[in-house]
């Protein structure tokens, strides 16, 4: 079994996946806040 060397793994796919997850989380939060504001204005 080969010895592990720290920092030698290619993590481009993981970085791209995490960036996509963060972007979708931000969009989801913004849409949720927008919906809550809309609901508050409609019920007022």
PDB file of N, CA and C in Angstrom:
ATOM      1  N   UNK A   1       0.852  -1.179   0.000  1.00  0.00           N
ATOM      2  CA  UNK A   1       0.000   0.000   0.000  1.00  0.00           C
ATOM      3  C   UNK A   1       0.899   1.244   0.000  1.00  0.00           C
ATOM      4  N   UNK A   2       0.569   2.209  -0.845  1.00  0.00           N
ATOM      5  CA  UNK A   2       1.385   3.416  -0.966  1.00  0.00           C
ATOM      6  C   UNK A   2       1.210   4.307   0.251  1.00  0.00           C
ATOM      7  N   UNK A   3       2.259   5.019   0.578  1.00  0.00           N
ATOM      8  CA  UNK A   3       2.205   5.944   1.706  1.00  0.00           C
ATOM      9  C   UNK A   3       1.469   7.212   1.283  1.00  0.00           C
ATOM     10  N   UNK A   4       0.620   7.700   2.173  1.00  0.00           N
ATOM     11  CA  UNK A   4      -0.169   8.894   1.874  1.00  0.00           C
ATOM     12  C   UNK A   4       0.701  10.140   1.997  1.00  0.00           C
ATOM     13  N   UNK A   5       0.553  11.055   1.035  1.00  0.00           N
ATOM     14  CA  UNK A   5       1.268  12.327   1.074  1.00  0.00           C
ATOM     15  C   UNK A   5       0.233  13.441   1.141  1.00  0.00           C
ATOM     16  N   UNK A   6       0.271  14.237   2.201  1.00  0.00           N
ATOM     17  CA  UNK A   6      -0.681  15.330   2.378  1.00  0.00           C
ATOM     18  C   UNK A   6      -0.547  16.348   1.251  1.00  0.00           C
ATOM     19  N   UNK A   7      -1.686  16.805   0.741  1.00  0.00           N
ATOM     20  CA  UNK A   7      -1.709  17.821  -0.293  1.00  0.00           C
ATOM     21  C   UNK A   7      -1.507  17.316  -1.704  1.00  0.00           C
ATOM     22  N   UNK A   8      -1.487  16.015  -1.902  1.00  0.00           N
ATOM     23  CA  UNK A   8      -1.228  15.486  -3.232  1.00  0.00           C
ATOM     24  C   UNK A   8      -2.508  15.108  -3.992  1.00  0.00           C
ATOM     25  N   UNK A   9      -3.646  15.136  -3.324  1.00  0.00           N
ATOM     26  CA  UNK A   9      -4.905  14.730  -3.963  1.00  0.00           C
ATOM     27  C   UNK A   9      -5.491  15.881  -4.788  1.00  0.00           C
ATOM     28  N   UNK A  10      -6.026  15.567  -5.957  1.00  0.00           N
ATOM     29  CA  UNK A  10      -6.690  16.560  -6.793  1.00  0.00           C
ATOM     30  C   UNK A  10      -8.093  16.795  -6.246  1.00  0.00           C
ATOM     31  N   UNK A  11      -8.376  18.014  -5.799  1.00  0.00           N
ATOM     32  CA  UNK A  11      -9.668  18.306  -5.166  1.00  0.00           C
ATOM     33  C   UNK A  11     -10.498  19.287  -5.977  1.00  0.00           C
ATOM     34  N   UNK A  12     -10.226  19.425  -7.262  1.00  0.00           N
ATOM     35  CA  UNK A  12     -10.965  20.381  -8.092  1.00  0.00           C
ATOM     36  C   UNK A  12     -12.456  20.049  -8.145  1.00  0.00           C
ATOM     37  N   UNK A  13     -12.785  18.782  -8.208  1.00  0.00           N
ATOM     38  CA  UNK A  13     -14.199  18.384  -8.279  1.00  0.00           C
ATOM     39  C   UNK A  13     -14.908  18.730  -6.967  1.00  0.00           C
ATOM     40  N   UNK A  14     -14.246  18.467  -5.842  1.00  0.00           N
ATOM     41  CA  UNK A  14     -14.847  18.783  -4.545  1.00  0.00           C
ATOM     42  C   UNK A  14     -15.026  20.292  -4.386  1.00  0.00           C
ATOM     43  N   UNK A  15     -14.046  21.080  -4.845  1.00  0.00           N
ATOM     44  CA  UNK A  15     -14.161  22.526  -4.744  1.00  0.00           C
ATOM     45  C   UNK A  15     -15.312  23.042  -5.605  1.00  0.00           C
ATOM     46  N   UNK A  16     -15.468  22.489  -6.798  1.00  0.00           N
ATOM     47  CA  UNK A  16     -16.562  22.896  -7.684  1.00  0.00           C
ATOM     48  C   UNK A  16     -17.916  22.526  -7.075  1.00  0.00           C
ATOM     49  N   UNK A  17     -18.009  21.336  -6.497  1.00  0.00           N
ATOM     50  CA  UNK A  17     -19.247  20.894  -5.865  1.00  0.00           C
ATOM     51  C   UNK A  17     -19.597  21.788  -4.682  1.00  0.00           C
ATOM     52  N   UNK A  18     -18.609  22.120  -3.854  1.00  0.00           N
ATOM     53  CA  UNK A  18     -18.856  22.976  -2.688  1.00  0.00           C
ATOM     54  C   UNK A  18     -19.272  24.376  -3.123  1.00  0.00           C
ATOM     55  N   UNK A  19     -18.636  24.916  -4.156  1.00  0.00           N
ATOM     56  CA  UNK A  19     -19.007  26.240  -4.653  1.00  0.00           C
ATOM     57  C   UNK A  19     -20.456  26.231  -5.158  1.00  0.00           C
ATOM     58  N   UNK A  20     -20.844  25.178  -5.854  1.00  0.00           N
ATOM     59  CA  UNK A  20     -22.225  25.055  -6.311  1.00  0.00           C
ATOM     60  C   UNK A  20     -23.204  24.942  -5.163  1.00  0.00           C
ATOM     61  N   UNK A  21     -22.827  24.179  -4.147  1.00  0.00           N
ATOM     62  CA  UNK A  21     -23.679  24.036  -2.964  1.00  0.00           C
ATOM     63  C   UNK A  21     -23.869  25.378  -2.268  1.00  0.00           C
ATOM     64  N   UNK A  22     -22.784  26.142  -2.124  1.00  0.00           N
ATOM     65  CA  UNK A  22     -22.874  27.445  -1.470  1.00  0.00           C
ATOM     66  C   UNK A  22     -23.729  28.418  -2.284  1.00  0.00           C
ATOM     67  N   UNK A  23     -23.596  28.374  -3.616  1.00  0.00           N
ATOM     68  CA  UNK A  23     -24.390  29.254  -4.468  1.00  0.00           C
ATOM     69  C   UNK A  23     -25.871  28.908  -4.350  1.00  0.00           C
ATOM     70  N   UNK A  24     -26.190  27.622  -4.389  1.00  0.00           N
ATOM     71  CA  UNK A  24     -27.595  27.215  -4.275  1.00  0.00           C
ATOM     72  C   UNK A  24     -28.157  27.525  -2.894  1.00  0.00           C
ATOM     73  N   UNK A  25     -27.341  27.397  -1.855  1.00  0.00           N
ATOM     74  CA  UNK A  25     -27.791  27.739  -0.503  1.00  0.00           C
ATOM     75  C   UNK A  25     -28.096  29.223  -0.394  1.00  0.00           C
ATOM     76  N   UNK A  26     -27.250  30.062  -0.974  1.00  0.00           N
ATOM     77  CA  UNK A  26     -27.475  31.504  -0.935  1.00  0.00           C
ATOM     78  C   UNK A  26     -28.745  31.868  -1.702  1.00  0.00           C
ATOM     79  N   UNK A  27     -28.933  31.287  -2.890  1.00  0.00           N
ATOM     80  CA  UNK A  27     -30.145  31.542  -3.660  1.00  0.00           C
ATOM     81  C   UNK A  27     -31.388  31.066  -2.902  1.00  0.00           C
ATOM     82  N   UNK A  28     -31.293  29.900  -2.288  1.00  0.00           N
ATOM     83  CA  UNK A  28     -32.429  29.375  -1.525  1.00  0.00           C
ATOM     84  C   UNK A  28     -32.793  30.269  -0.353  1.00  0.00           C
ATOM     85  N   UNK A  29     -31.781  30.777   0.344  1.00  0.00           N
ATOM     86  CA  UNK A  29     -32.036  31.678   1.470  1.00  0.00           C
ATOM     87  C   UNK A  29     -32.662  32.979   0.979  1.00  0.00           C
ATOM     88  N   UNK A  30     -32.154  33.522  -0.116  1.00  0.00           N
ATOM     89  CA  UNK A  30     -32.697  34.774  -0.656  1.00  0.00           C
ATOM     90  C   UNK A  30     -34.143  34.601  -1.104  1.00  0.00           C
ATOM     91  N   UNK A  31     -34.432  33.487  -1.756  1.00  0.00           N
ATOM     92  CA  UNK A  31     -35.806  33.229  -2.198  1.00  0.00           C
ATOM     93  C   UNK A  31     -36.727  33.060  -0.990  1.00  0.00           C
ATOM     94  N   UNK A  32     -36.261  32.379   0.038  1.00  0.00           N
ATOM     95  CA  UNK A  32     -37.072  32.194   1.248  1.00  0.00           C
ATOM     96  C   UNK A  32     -37.381  33.530   1.918  1.00  0.00           C
ATOM     97  N   UNK A  33     -36.384  34.393   2.021  1.00  0.00           N
ATOM     98  CA  UNK A  33     -36.603  35.716   2.613  1.00  0.00           C
ATOM     99  C   UNK A  33     -37.578  36.509   1.754  1.00  0.00           C
ATOM    100  N   UNK A  34     -37.420  36.436   0.441  1.00  0.00           N
ATOM    101  CA  UNK A  34     -38.340  37.136  -0.451  1.00  0.00           C
ATOM    102  C   UNK A  34     -39.774  36.655  -0.287  1.00  0.00           C
ATOM    103  N   UNK A  35     -39.950  35.357  -0.168  1.00  0.00           N
ATOM    104  CA  UNK A  35     -41.295  34.800   0.033  1.00  0.00           C
ATOM    105  C   UNK A  35     -41.877  35.267   1.359  1.00  0.00           C
ATOM    106  N   UNK A  36     -41.060  35.277   2.406  1.00  0.00           N
ATOM    107  CA  UNK A  36     -41.551  35.725   3.719  1.00  0.00           C
ATOM    108  C   UNK A  36     -41.936  37.198   3.691  1.00  0.00           C
ATOM    109  N   UNK A  37     -41.146  38.028   3.014  1.00  0.00           N
ATOM    110  CA  UNK A  37     -41.490  39.449   2.902  1.00  0.00           C
ATOM    111  C   UNK A  37     -42.781  39.617   2.114  1.00  0.00           C
ATOM    112  N   UNK A  38     -42.922  38.882   1.015  1.00  0.00           N
ATOM    113  CA  UNK A  38     -44.146  38.939   0.226  1.00  0.00           C
ATOM    114  C   UNK A  38     -45.363  38.536   1.057  1.00  0.00           C
ATOM    115  N   UNK A  39     -45.215  37.466   1.822  1.00  0.00           N
ATOM    116  CA  UNK A  39     -46.334  37.001   2.658  1.00  0.00           C
ATOM    117  C   UNK A  39     -46.697  38.037   3.715  1.00  0.00           C
ATOM    118  N   UNK A  40     -45.685  38.696   4.286  1.00  0.00           N
ATOM    119  CA  UNK A  40     -45.948  39.717   5.301  1.00  0.00           C
ATOM    120  C   UNK A  40     -46.678  40.917   4.681  1.00  0.00           C
ATOM    121  N   UNK A  41     -46.297  41.296   3.467  1.00  0.00           N
ATOM    122  CA  UNK A  41     -46.949  42.442   2.817  1.00  0.00           C
ATOM    123  C   UNK A  41     -48.384  42.116   2.386  1.00  0.00           C
ATOM    124  N   UNK A  42     -48.618  40.904   1.940  1.00  0.00           N
ATOM    125  CA  UNK A  42     -49.959  40.513   1.493  1.00  0.00           C
ATOM    126  C   UNK A  42     -50.917  40.437   2.684  1.00  0.00           C
ATOM    127  N   UNK A  43     -50.449  39.980   3.807  1.00  0.00           N
ATOM    128  CA  UNK A  43     -51.310  39.817   4.970  1.00  0.00           C
ATOM    129  C   UNK A  43     -51.507  41.123   5.743  1.00  0.00           C
ATOM    130  N   UNK A  44     -50.771  42.167   5.408  1.00  0.00           N
ATOM    131  CA  UNK A  44     -50.869  43.425   6.177  1.00  0.00           C
ATOM    132  C   UNK A  44     -52.087  44.235   5.814  1.00  0.00           C
TER     133      UNK A  44
END
